[in-house]
C-alpha cells in the first residue's frame, strides 16, 4: 500500500513465479487523472486506475481473513469502483 499520487491504482507484477500486488491509495482529498509515470509501469501490470477530478477523492477498504484479502477501491460518494481478491502466497 502506498499513497501520495493523488489517484487510486492497482498494479500487479510477477517475478520468479511470485505475484506482487501494489495498491496506490492516494486520493483522500483530491484526484489527479494524469498518468505521468505510466511508461514506467510494465505492460499489463496496471489492473485499475482512477483519478476523477470531478469527485473529491476516494479511498481503499481492506478486509482480511484466513482465506484471502479483499481490496475495494471506493469513490468519495461511497460507490465501489473496483474489487479484487488476493489469496495467500503458496510457500
PDB file of N, CA and C in Angstrom:
ATOM      1  N   UNK A   1       0.850  -1.171   0.000  1.00  0.00           N
ATOM      2  CA  UNK A   1       0.000   0.000   0.000  1.00  0.00           C
ATOM      3  C   UNK A   1       0.894   1.231   0.000  1.00  0.00           C
ATOM      4  N   UNK A   2       0.515   2.190  -0.801  1.00  0.00           N
ATOM      5  CA  UNK A   2       1.241   3.451  -0.870  1.00  0.00           C
ATOM      6  C   UNK A   2       0.240   4.562  -1.166  1.00  0.00           C
ATOM      7  N   UNK A   3       0.679   5.772  -1.087  1.00  0.00           N
ATOM      8  CA  UNK A   3      -0.201   6.891  -1.365  1.00  0.00           C
ATOM      9  C   UNK A   3       0.540   8.007  -2.061  1.00  0.00           C
ATOM     10  N   UNK A   4      -0.039   9.174  -2.016  1.00  0.00           N
ATOM     11  CA  UNK A   4       0.524  10.437  -2.457  1.00  0.00           C
ATOM     12  C   UNK A   4       0.443  10.711  -3.961  1.00  0.00           C
ATOM     13  N   UNK A   5       0.101   9.779  -4.800  1.00  0.00           N
ATOM     14  CA  UNK A   5      -0.014  10.075  -6.228  1.00  0.00           C
ATOM     15  C   UNK A   5      -1.328  10.757  -6.582  1.00  0.00           C
ATOM     16  N   UNK A   6      -2.208  10.958  -5.629  1.00  0.00           N
ATOM     17  CA  UNK A   6      -3.496  11.632  -5.821  1.00  0.00           C
ATOM     18  C   UNK A   6      -4.377  10.892  -6.831  1.00  0.00           C
ATOM     19  N   UNK A   7      -4.275   9.567  -6.801  1.00  0.00           N
ATOM     20  CA  UNK A   7      -5.162   8.730  -7.599  1.00  0.00           C
ATOM     21  C   UNK A   7      -5.269   7.378  -6.920  1.00  0.00           C
ATOM     22  N   UNK A   8      -6.007   6.477  -7.514  1.00  0.00           N
ATOM     23  CA  UNK A   8      -6.223   5.141  -6.971  1.00  0.00           C
ATOM     24  C   UNK A   8      -5.792   4.132  -8.017  1.00  0.00           C
ATOM     25  N   UNK A   9      -4.922   3.189  -7.637  1.00  0.00           N
ATOM     26  CA  UNK A   9      -4.375   2.245  -8.602  1.00  0.00           C
ATOM     27  C   UNK A   9      -4.224   0.855  -7.994  1.00  0.00           C
ATOM     28  N   UNK A  10      -4.276  -0.134  -8.869  1.00  0.00           N
ATOM     29  CA  UNK A  10      -3.851  -1.495  -8.548  1.00  0.00           C
ATOM     30  C   UNK A  10      -2.869  -1.908  -9.631  1.00  0.00           C
ATOM     31  N   UNK A  11      -1.649  -2.199  -9.210  1.00  0.00           N
ATOM     32  CA  UNK A  11      -0.612  -2.689 -10.111  1.00  0.00           C
ATOM     33  C   UNK A  11      -0.267  -4.105  -9.690  1.00  0.00           C
ATOM     34  N   UNK A  12      -0.070  -4.979 -10.669  1.00  0.00           N
ATOM     35  CA  UNK A  12       0.258  -6.372 -10.367  1.00  0.00           C
ATOM     36  C   UNK A  12       1.372  -6.837 -11.299  1.00  0.00           C
ATOM     37  N   UNK A  13       2.434  -7.338 -10.699  1.00  0.00           N
ATOM     38  CA  UNK A  13       3.542  -7.845 -11.495  1.00  0.00           C
ATOM     39  C   UNK A  13       3.943  -9.223 -10.975  1.00  0.00           C
ATOM     40  N   UNK A  14       4.745  -9.905 -11.760  1.00  0.00           N
ATOM     41  CA  UNK A  14       5.183 -11.245 -11.385  1.00  0.00           C
ATOM     42  C   UNK A  14       6.674 -11.369 -11.640  1.00  0.00           C
ATOM     43  N   UNK A  15       7.378 -11.904 -10.635  1.00  0.00           N
ATOM     44  CA  UNK A  15       8.806 -12.142 -10.750  1.00  0.00           C
ATOM     45  C   UNK A  15       9.129 -13.473 -10.102  1.00  0.00           C
ATOM     46  N   UNK A  16       9.859 -14.292 -10.813  1.00  0.00           N
ATOM     47  CA  UNK A  16      10.293 -15.601 -10.299  1.00  0.00           C
ATOM     48  C   UNK A  16       9.125 -16.402  -9.729  1.00  0.00           C
ATOM     49  N   UNK A  17       7.964 -16.307 -10.409  1.00  0.00           N
ATOM     50  CA  UNK A  17       6.804 -17.080 -10.001  1.00  0.00           C
ATOM     51  C   UNK A  17       6.012 -16.491  -8.841  1.00  0.00           C
ATOM     52  N   UNK A  18       6.414 -15.344  -8.340  1.00  0.00           N
ATOM     53  CA  UNK A  18       5.718 -14.702  -7.231  1.00  0.00           C
ATOM     54  C   UNK A  18       4.962 -13.476  -7.747  1.00  0.00           C
ATOM     55  N   UNK A  19       3.697 -13.397  -7.384  1.00  0.00           N
ATOM     56  CA  UNK A  19       2.862 -12.262  -7.784  1.00  0.00           C
ATOM     57  C   UNK A  19       2.976 -11.172  -6.722  1.00  0.00           C
ATOM     58  N   UNK A  20       3.187  -9.951  -7.172  1.00  0.00           N
ATOM     59  CA  UNK A  20       3.264  -8.801  -6.279  1.00  0.00           C
ATOM     60  C   UNK A  20       2.136  -7.838  -6.632  1.00  0.00           C
ATOM     61  N   UNK A  21       1.261  -7.586  -5.666  1.00  0.00           N
ATOM     62  CA  UNK A  21       0.168  -6.636  -5.838  1.00  0.00           C
ATOM     63  C   UNK A  21       0.530  -5.351  -5.113  1.00  0.00           C
ATOM     64  N   UNK A  22       0.407  -4.232  -5.812  1.00  0.00           N
ATOM     65  CA  UNK A  22       0.679  -2.921  -5.228  1.00  0.00           C
ATOM     66  C   UNK A  22      -0.558  -2.055  -5.391  1.00  0.00           C
ATOM     67  N   UNK A  23      -0.921  -1.385  -4.330  1.00  0.00           N
ATOM     68  CA  UNK A  23      -2.083  -0.504  -4.345  1.00  0.00           C
ATOM     69  C   UNK A  23      -1.634   0.907  -4.000  1.00  0.00           C
ATOM     70  N   UNK A  24      -2.005   1.860  -4.838  1.00  0.00           N
ATOM     71  CA  UNK A  24      -1.775   3.270  -4.570  1.00  0.00           C
ATOM     72  C   UNK A  24      -3.130   3.836  -4.156  1.00  0.00           C
ATOM     73  N   UNK A  25      -3.226   4.239  -2.910  1.00  0.00           N
ATOM     74  CA  UNK A  25      -4.472   4.781  -2.377  1.00  0.00           C
ATOM     75  C   UNK A  25      -4.137   6.196  -1.921  1.00  0.00           C
ATOM     76  N   UNK A  26      -4.102   7.117  -2.861  1.00  0.00           N
ATOM     77  CA  UNK A  26      -3.639   8.462  -2.561  1.00  0.00           C
ATOM     78  C   UNK A  26      -4.572   9.543  -3.033  1.00  0.00           C
ATOM     79  N   UNK A  27      -5.869   9.338  -2.881  1.00  0.00           N
ATOM     80  CA  UNK A  27      -6.823  10.344  -3.368  1.00  0.00           C
ATOM     81  C   UNK A  27      -7.801  10.722  -2.266  1.00  0.00           C
ATOM     82  N   UNK A  28      -7.292  10.920  -1.049  1.00  0.00           N
ATOM     83  CA  UNK A  28      -8.161  11.211   0.083  1.00  0.00           C
ATOM     84  C   UNK A  28      -8.851  12.567   0.016  1.00  0.00           C
ATOM     85  N   UNK A  29      -8.274  13.510  -0.680  1.00  0.00           N
ATOM     86  CA  UNK A  29      -8.828  14.863  -0.725  1.00  0.00           C
ATOM     87  C   UNK A  29      -9.056  15.344  -2.153  1.00  0.00           C
ATOM     88  N   UNK A  30      -8.232  14.890  -3.069  1.00  0.00           N
ATOM     89  CA  UNK A  30      -8.347  15.318  -4.456  1.00  0.00           C
ATOM     90  C   UNK A  30      -7.878  14.188  -5.353  1.00  0.00           C
ATOM     91  N   UNK A  31      -8.219  14.257  -6.607  1.00  0.00           N
ATOM     92  CA  UNK A  31      -7.812  13.214  -7.553  1.00  0.00           C
ATOM     93  C   UNK A  31      -7.140  13.858  -8.751  1.00  0.00           C
ATOM     94  N   UNK A  32      -6.154  13.166  -9.275  1.00  0.00           N
ATOM     95  CA  UNK A  32      -5.389  13.653 -10.421  1.00  0.00           C
ATOM     96  C   UNK A  32      -5.433  12.590 -11.520  1.00  0.00           C
ATOM     97  N   UNK A  33      -5.990  12.898 -12.683  1.00  0.00           N
ATOM     98  CA  UNK A  33      -6.134  11.903 -13.748  1.00  0.00           C
ATOM     99  C   UNK A  33      -4.864  11.670 -14.568  1.00  0.00           C
ATOM    100  N   UNK A  34      -3.822  12.462 -14.333  1.00  0.00           N
ATOM    101  CA  UNK A  34      -2.604  12.330 -15.148  1.00  0.00           C
ATOM    102  C   UNK A  34      -1.915  10.999 -14.885  1.00  0.00           C
ATOM    103  N   UNK A  35      -1.339  10.450 -15.927  1.00  0.00           N
ATOM    104  CA  UNK A  35      -0.615   9.179 -15.846  1.00  0.00           C
ATOM    105  C   UNK A  35       0.852   9.421 -16.229  1.00  0.00           C
ATOM    106  N   UNK A  36       1.486  10.359 -15.538  1.00  0.00           N
ATOM    107  CA  UNK A  36       2.839  10.761 -15.869  1.00  0.00           C
ATOM    108  C   UNK A  36       3.882   9.672 -15.762  1.00  0.00           C
ATOM    109  N   UNK A  37       3.668   8.669 -14.931  1.00  0.00           N
ATOM    110  CA  UNK A  37       4.639   7.585 -14.755  1.00  0.00           C
ATOM    111  C   UNK A  37       4.203   6.297 -15.445  1.00  0.00           C
ATOM    112  N   UNK A  38       3.162   6.368 -16.250  1.00  0.00           N
ATOM    113  CA  UNK A  38       2.619   5.156 -16.878  1.00  0.00           C
ATOM    114  C   UNK A  38       3.648   4.416 -17.717  1.00  0.00           C
ATOM    115  N   UNK A  39       4.584   5.146 -18.312  1.00  0.00           N
ATOM    116  CA  UNK A  39       5.597   4.485 -19.140  1.00  0.00           C
ATOM    117  C   UNK A  39       6.605   3.692 -18.312  1.00  0.00           C
ATOM    118  N   UNK A  40       6.589   3.862 -16.988  1.00  0.00           N
ATOM    119  CA  UNK A  40       7.479   3.110 -16.106  1.00  0.00           C
ATOM    120  C   UNK A  40       6.809   1.857 -15.535  1.00  0.00           C
ATOM    121  N   UNK A  41       5.553   1.672 -15.846  1.00  0.00           N
ATOM    122  CA  UNK A  41       4.806   0.503 -15.367  1.00  0.00           C
ATOM    123  C   UNK A  41       4.903  -0.585 -16.429  1.00  0.00           C
ATOM    124  N   UNK A  42       5.293  -1.804 -16.035  1.00  0.00           N
ATOM    125  CA  UNK A  42       5.392  -2.886 -17.027  1.00  0.00           C
ATOM    126  C   UNK A  42       4.071  -3.113 -17.761  1.00  0.00           C
ATOM    127  N   UNK A  43       4.157  -3.477 -19.018  1.00  0.00           N
ATOM    128  CA  UNK A  43       2.966  -3.746 -19.825  1.00  0.00           C
ATOM    129  C   UNK A  43       2.083  -4.779 -19.131  1.00  0.00           C
ATOM    130  N   UNK A  44       0.801  -4.490 -19.043  1.00  0.00           N
ATOM    131  CA  UNK A  44      -0.157  -5.408 -18.439  1.00  0.00           C
ATOM    132  C   UNK A  44      -0.233  -5.352 -16.927  1.00  0.00           C
ATOM    133  N   UNK A  45       0.626  -4.562 -16.276  1.00  0.00           N
ATOM    134  CA  UNK A  45       0.652  -4.523 -14.813  1.00  0.00           C
ATOM    135  C   UNK A  45      -0.458  -3.653 -14.217  1.00  0.00           C
ATOM    136  N   UNK A  46      -0.954  -2.685 -14.972  1.00  0.00           N
ATOM    137  CA  UNK A  46      -1.987  -1.798 -14.447  1.00  0.00           C
ATOM    138  C   UNK A  46      -3.343  -2.494 -14.532  1.00  0.00           C
ATOM    139  N   UNK A  47      -3.868  -2.862 -13.384  1.00  0.00           N
ATOM    140  CA  UNK A  47      -5.166  -3.541 -13.316  1.00  0.00           C
ATOM    141  C   UNK A  47      -6.313  -2.558 -13.104  1.00  0.00           C
ATOM    142  N   UNK A  48      -5.998  -1.407 -12.497  1.00  0.00           N
ATOM    143  CA  UNK A  48      -7.029  -0.404 -12.227  1.00  0.00           C
ATOM    144  C   UNK A  48      -6.355   0.946 -12.040  1.00  0.00           C
ATOM    145  N   UNK A  49      -6.972   1.999 -12.578  1.00  0.00           N
ATOM    146  CA  UNK A  49      -6.507   3.373 -12.385  1.00  0.00           C
ATOM    147  C   UNK A  49      -7.720   4.281 -12.319  1.00  0.00           C
ATOM    148  N   UNK A  50      -7.748   5.177 -11.342  1.00  0.00           N
ATOM    149  CA  UNK A  50      -8.844   6.133 -11.216  1.00  0.00           C
ATOM    150  C   UNK A  50      -8.299   7.467 -10.728  1.00  0.00           C
ATOM    151  N   UNK A  51      -8.704   8.543 -11.365  1.00  0.00           N
ATOM    152  CA  UNK A  51      -8.316   9.881 -10.967  1.00  0.00           C
ATOM    153  C   UNK A  51      -9.342  10.889 -11.445  1.00  0.00           C
ATOM    154  N   UNK A  52     -10.569  10.768 -11.000  1.00  0.00           N
ATOM    155  CA  UNK A  52     -11.667  11.618 -11.451  1.00  0.00           C
ATOM    156  C   UNK A  52     -11.643  12.953 -10.707  1.00  0.00           C
ATOM    157  N   UNK A  53     -11.304  14.024 -11.409  1.00  0.00           N
ATOM    158  CA  UNK A  53     -11.198  15.340 -10.778  1.00  0.00           C
ATOM    159  C   UNK A  53     -12.553  15.940 -10.401  1.00  0.00           C
ATOM    160  N   UNK A  54     -13.644  15.367 -10.884  1.00  0.00           N
ATOM    161  CA  UNK A  54     -14.968  15.896 -10.553  1.00  0.00           C
ATOM    162  C   UNK A  54     -15.446  15.444  -9.175  1.00  0.00           C
ATOM    163  N   UNK A  55     -14.804  14.434  -8.618  1.00  0.00           N
ATOM    164  CA  UNK A  55     -15.169  13.946  -7.292  1.00  0.00           C
ATOM    165  C   UNK A  55     -14.048  14.276  -6.316  1.00  0.00           C
ATOM    166  N   UNK A  56     -14.377  14.368  -5.064  1.00  0.00           N
ATOM    167  CA  UNK A  56     -13.387  14.728  -4.049  1.00  0.00           C
ATOM    168  C   UNK A  56     -12.665  13.490  -3.508  1.00  0.00           C
ATOM    169  N   UNK A  57     -11.946  12.820  -4.363  1.00  0.00           N
ATOM    170  CA  UNK A  57     -11.101  11.715  -3.931  1.00  0.00           C
ATOM    171  C   UNK A  57     -11.808  10.393  -3.752  1.00  0.00           C
ATOM    172  N   UNK A  58     -11.122   9.514  -3.064  1.00  0.00           N
ATOM    173  CA  UNK A  58     -11.616   8.173  -2.807  1.00  0.00           C
ATOM    174  C   UNK A  58     -10.698   7.499  -1.809  1.00  0.00           C
ATOM    175  N   UNK A  59     -10.974   6.232  -1.522  1.00  0.00           N
ATOM    176  CA  UNK A  59     -10.191   5.533  -0.504  1.00  0.00           C
ATOM    177  C   UNK A  59     -10.195   4.035  -0.774  1.00  0.00           C
ATOM    178  N   UNK A  60      -9.368   3.325  -0.047  1.00  0.00           N
ATOM    179  CA  UNK A  60      -9.312   1.874  -0.132  1.00  0.00           C
ATOM    180  C   UNK A  60      -9.903   1.264   1.124  1.00  0.00           C
ATOM    181  N   UNK A  61     -10.589   0.156   0.957  1.00  0.00           N
ATOM    182  CA  UNK A  61     -11.185  -0.585   2.066  1.00  0.00           C
ATOM    183  C   UNK A  61     -10.662  -2.007   1.980  1.00  0.00           C
ATOM    184  N   UNK A  62     -10.034  -2.492   3.034  1.00  0.00           N
ATOM    185  CA  UNK A  62      -9.393  -3.806   3.014  1.00  0.00           C
ATOM    186  C   UNK A  62      -9.985  -4.692   4.101  1.00  0.00           C
ATOM    187  N   UNK A  63     -10.334  -5.914   3.715  1.00  0.00           N
ATOM    188  CA  UNK A  63     -10.776  -6.937   4.675  1.00  0.00           C
ATOM    189  C   UNK A  63      -9.859  -8.136   4.523  1.00  0.00           C
ATOM    190  N   UNK A  64      -9.411  -8.678   5.643  1.00  0.00           N
ATOM    191  CA  UNK A  64      -8.510  -9.826   5.622  1.00  0.00           C
ATOM    192  C   UNK A  64      -9.070 -10.920   6.516  1.00  0.00           C
ATOM    193  N   UNK A  65      -9.100 -12.134   5.994  1.00  0.00           N
ATOM    194  CA  UNK A  65      -9.427 -13.293   6.826  1.00  0.00           C
ATOM    195  C   UNK A  65      -8.438 -14.410   6.493  1.00  0.00           C
ATOM    196  N   UNK A  66      -8.659 -15.587   7.002  1.00  0.00           N
ATOM    197  CA  UNK A  66      -7.681 -16.667   6.835  1.00  0.00           C
ATOM    198  C   UNK A  66      -7.597 -17.197   5.403  1.00  0.00           C
ATOM    199  N   UNK A  67      -8.591 -16.906   4.565  1.00  0.00           N
ATOM    200  CA  UNK A  67      -8.579 -17.464   3.213  1.00  0.00           C
ATOM    201  C   UNK A  67      -8.150 -16.475   2.128  1.00  0.00           C
ATOM    202  N   UNK A  68      -8.323 -15.164   2.359  1.00  0.00           N
ATOM    203  CA  UNK A  68      -7.956 -14.187   1.333  1.00  0.00           C
ATOM    204  C   UNK A  68      -8.022 -12.763   1.881  1.00  0.00           C
ATOM    205  N   UNK A  69      -7.575 -11.837   1.060  1.00  0.00           N
ATOM    206  CA  UNK A  69      -7.688 -10.416   1.351  1.00  0.00           C
ATOM    207  C   UNK A  69      -8.556  -9.801   0.257  1.00  0.00           C
ATOM    208  N   UNK A  70      -9.519  -9.012   0.652  1.00  0.00           N
ATOM    209  CA  UNK A  70     -10.370  -8.296  -0.290  1.00  0.00           C
ATOM    210  C   UNK A  70      -9.996  -6.818  -0.248  1.00  0.00           C
ATOM    211  N   UNK A  71      -9.705  -6.246  -1.410  1.00  0.00           N
ATOM    212  CA  UNK A  71      -9.408  -4.820  -1.504  1.00  0.00           C
ATOM    213  C   UNK A  71     -10.492  -4.188  -2.364  1.00  0.00           C
ATOM    214  N   UNK A  72     -11.149  -3.196  -1.804  1.00  0.00           N
ATOM    215  CA  UNK A  72     -12.166  -2.440  -2.532  1.00  0.00           C
ATOM    216  C   UNK A  72     -11.680  -1.003  -2.649  1.00  0.00           C
ATOM    217  N   UNK A  73     -11.813  -0.441  -3.831  1.00  0.00           N
ATOM    218  CA  UNK A  73     -11.492   0.961  -4.044  1.00  0.00           C
ATOM    219  C   UNK A  73     -12.815   1.693  -4.229  1.00  0.00           C
ATOM    220  N   UNK A  74     -13.002   2.736  -3.428  1.00  0.00           N
ATOM    221  CA  UNK A  74     -14.295   3.390  -3.281  1.00  0.00           C
ATOM    222  C   UNK A  74     -14.135   4.887  -3.564  1.00  0.00           C
ATOM    223  N   UNK A  75     -15.108   5.485  -4.259  1.00  0.00           N
ATOM    224  CA  UNK A  75     -15.033   6.929  -4.507  1.00  0.00           C
ATOM    225  C   UNK A  75     -15.593   7.701  -3.309  1.00  0.00           C
ATOM    226  N   UNK A  76     -15.514   9.025  -3.364  1.00  0.00           N
ATOM    227  CA  UNK A  76     -15.925   9.873  -2.249  1.00  0.00           C
ATOM    228  C   UNK A  76     -17.409   9.757  -1.924  1.00  0.00           C
ATOM    229  N   UNK A  77     -18.207   9.264  -2.860  1.00  0.00           N
ATOM    230  CA  UNK A  77     -19.642   9.087  -2.630  1.00  0.00           C
ATOM    231  C   UNK A  77     -19.970   7.707  -2.079  1.00  0.00           C
ATOM    232  N   UNK A  78     -18.934   6.883  -1.846  1.00  0.00           N
ATOM    233  CA  UNK A  78     -19.143   5.559  -1.300  1.00  0.00           C
ATOM    234  C   UNK A  78     -19.416   4.484  -2.330  1.00  0.00           C
ATOM    235  N   UNK A  79     -19.279   4.809  -3.598  1.00  0.00           N
ATOM    236  CA  UNK A  79     -19.510   3.822  -4.651  1.00  0.00           C
ATOM    237  C   UNK A  79     -18.253   2.968  -4.835  1.00  0.00           C
ATOM    238  N   UNK A  80     -18.443   1.670  -4.902  1.00  0.00           N
ATOM    239  CA  UNK A  80     -17.323   0.756  -5.120  1.00  0.00           C
ATOM    240  C   UNK A  80     -16.935   0.822  -6.589  1.00  0.00           C
ATOM    241  N   UNK A  81     -15.682   1.215  -6.838  1.00  0.00           N
ATOM    242  CA  UNK A  81     -15.175   1.361  -8.205  1.00  0.00           C
ATOM    243  C   UNK A  81     -14.476   0.096  -8.683  1.00  0.00           C
ATOM    244  N   UNK A  82     -13.900  -0.659  -7.738  1.00  0.00           N
ATOM    245  CA  UNK A  82     -13.062  -1.801  -8.103  1.00  0.00           C
ATOM    246  C   UNK A  82     -12.944  -2.715  -6.897  1.00  0.00           C
ATOM    247  N   UNK A  83     -12.980  -4.016  -7.148  1.00  0.00           N
ATOM    248  CA  UNK A  83     -12.804  -5.015  -6.091  1.00  0.00           C
ATOM    249  C   UNK A  83     -11.895  -6.110  -6.598  1.00  0.00           C
ATOM    250  N   UNK A  84     -10.977  -6.561  -5.761  1.00  0.00           N
ATOM    251  CA  UNK A  84     -10.144  -7.699  -6.110  1.00  0.00           C
ATOM    252  C   UNK A  84      -9.896  -8.560  -4.884  1.00  0.00           C
ATOM    253  N   UNK A  85      -9.746  -9.848  -5.107  1.00  0.00           N
ATOM    254  CA  UNK A  85      -9.418 -10.812  -4.037  1.00  0.00           C
ATOM    255  C   UNK A  85      -7.988 -11.255  -4.221  1.00  0.00           C
ATOM    256  N   UNK A  86      -7.259 -11.334  -3.138  1.00  0.00           N
ATOM    257  CA  UNK A  86      -5.868 -11.787  -3.175  1.00  0.00           C
ATOM    258  C   UNK A  86      -5.739 -12.969  -2.246  1.00  0.00           C
ATOM    259  N   UNK A  87      -5.282 -14.085  -2.796  1.00  0.00           N
ATOM    260  CA  UNK A  87      -5.098 -15.299  -1.993  1.00  0.00           C
ATOM    261  C   UNK A  87      -3.718 -15.284  -1.342  1.00  0.00           C
ATOM    262  N   UNK A  88      -3.567 -16.017  -0.244  1.00  0.00           N
ATOM    263  CA  UNK A  88      -2.249 -16.113   0.388  1.00  0.00           C
ATOM    264  C   UNK A  88      -1.229 -16.730  -0.561  1.00  0.00           C
ATOM    265  N   UNK A  89       0.014 -16.355  -0.417  1.00  0.00           N
ATOM    266  CA  UNK A  89       1.077 -16.951  -1.210  1.00  0.00           C
ATOM    267  C   UNK A  89       1.256 -18.406  -0.812  1.00  0.00           C
ATOM    268  N   UNK A  90       1.592 -19.198  -1.782  1.00  0.00           N
ATOM    269  CA  UNK A  90       1.889 -20.606  -1.531  1.00  0.00           C
ATOM    270  C   UNK A  90       3.410 -20.746  -1.404  1.00  0.00           C
ATOM    271  N   UNK A  91       3.873 -21.064  -0.218  1.00  0.00           N
ATOM    272  CA  UNK A  91       5.312 -21.195   0.014  1.00  0.00           C
ATOM    273  C   UNK A  91       5.770 -22.619  -0.152  1.00  0.00           C
TER     274      UNK A  91
END
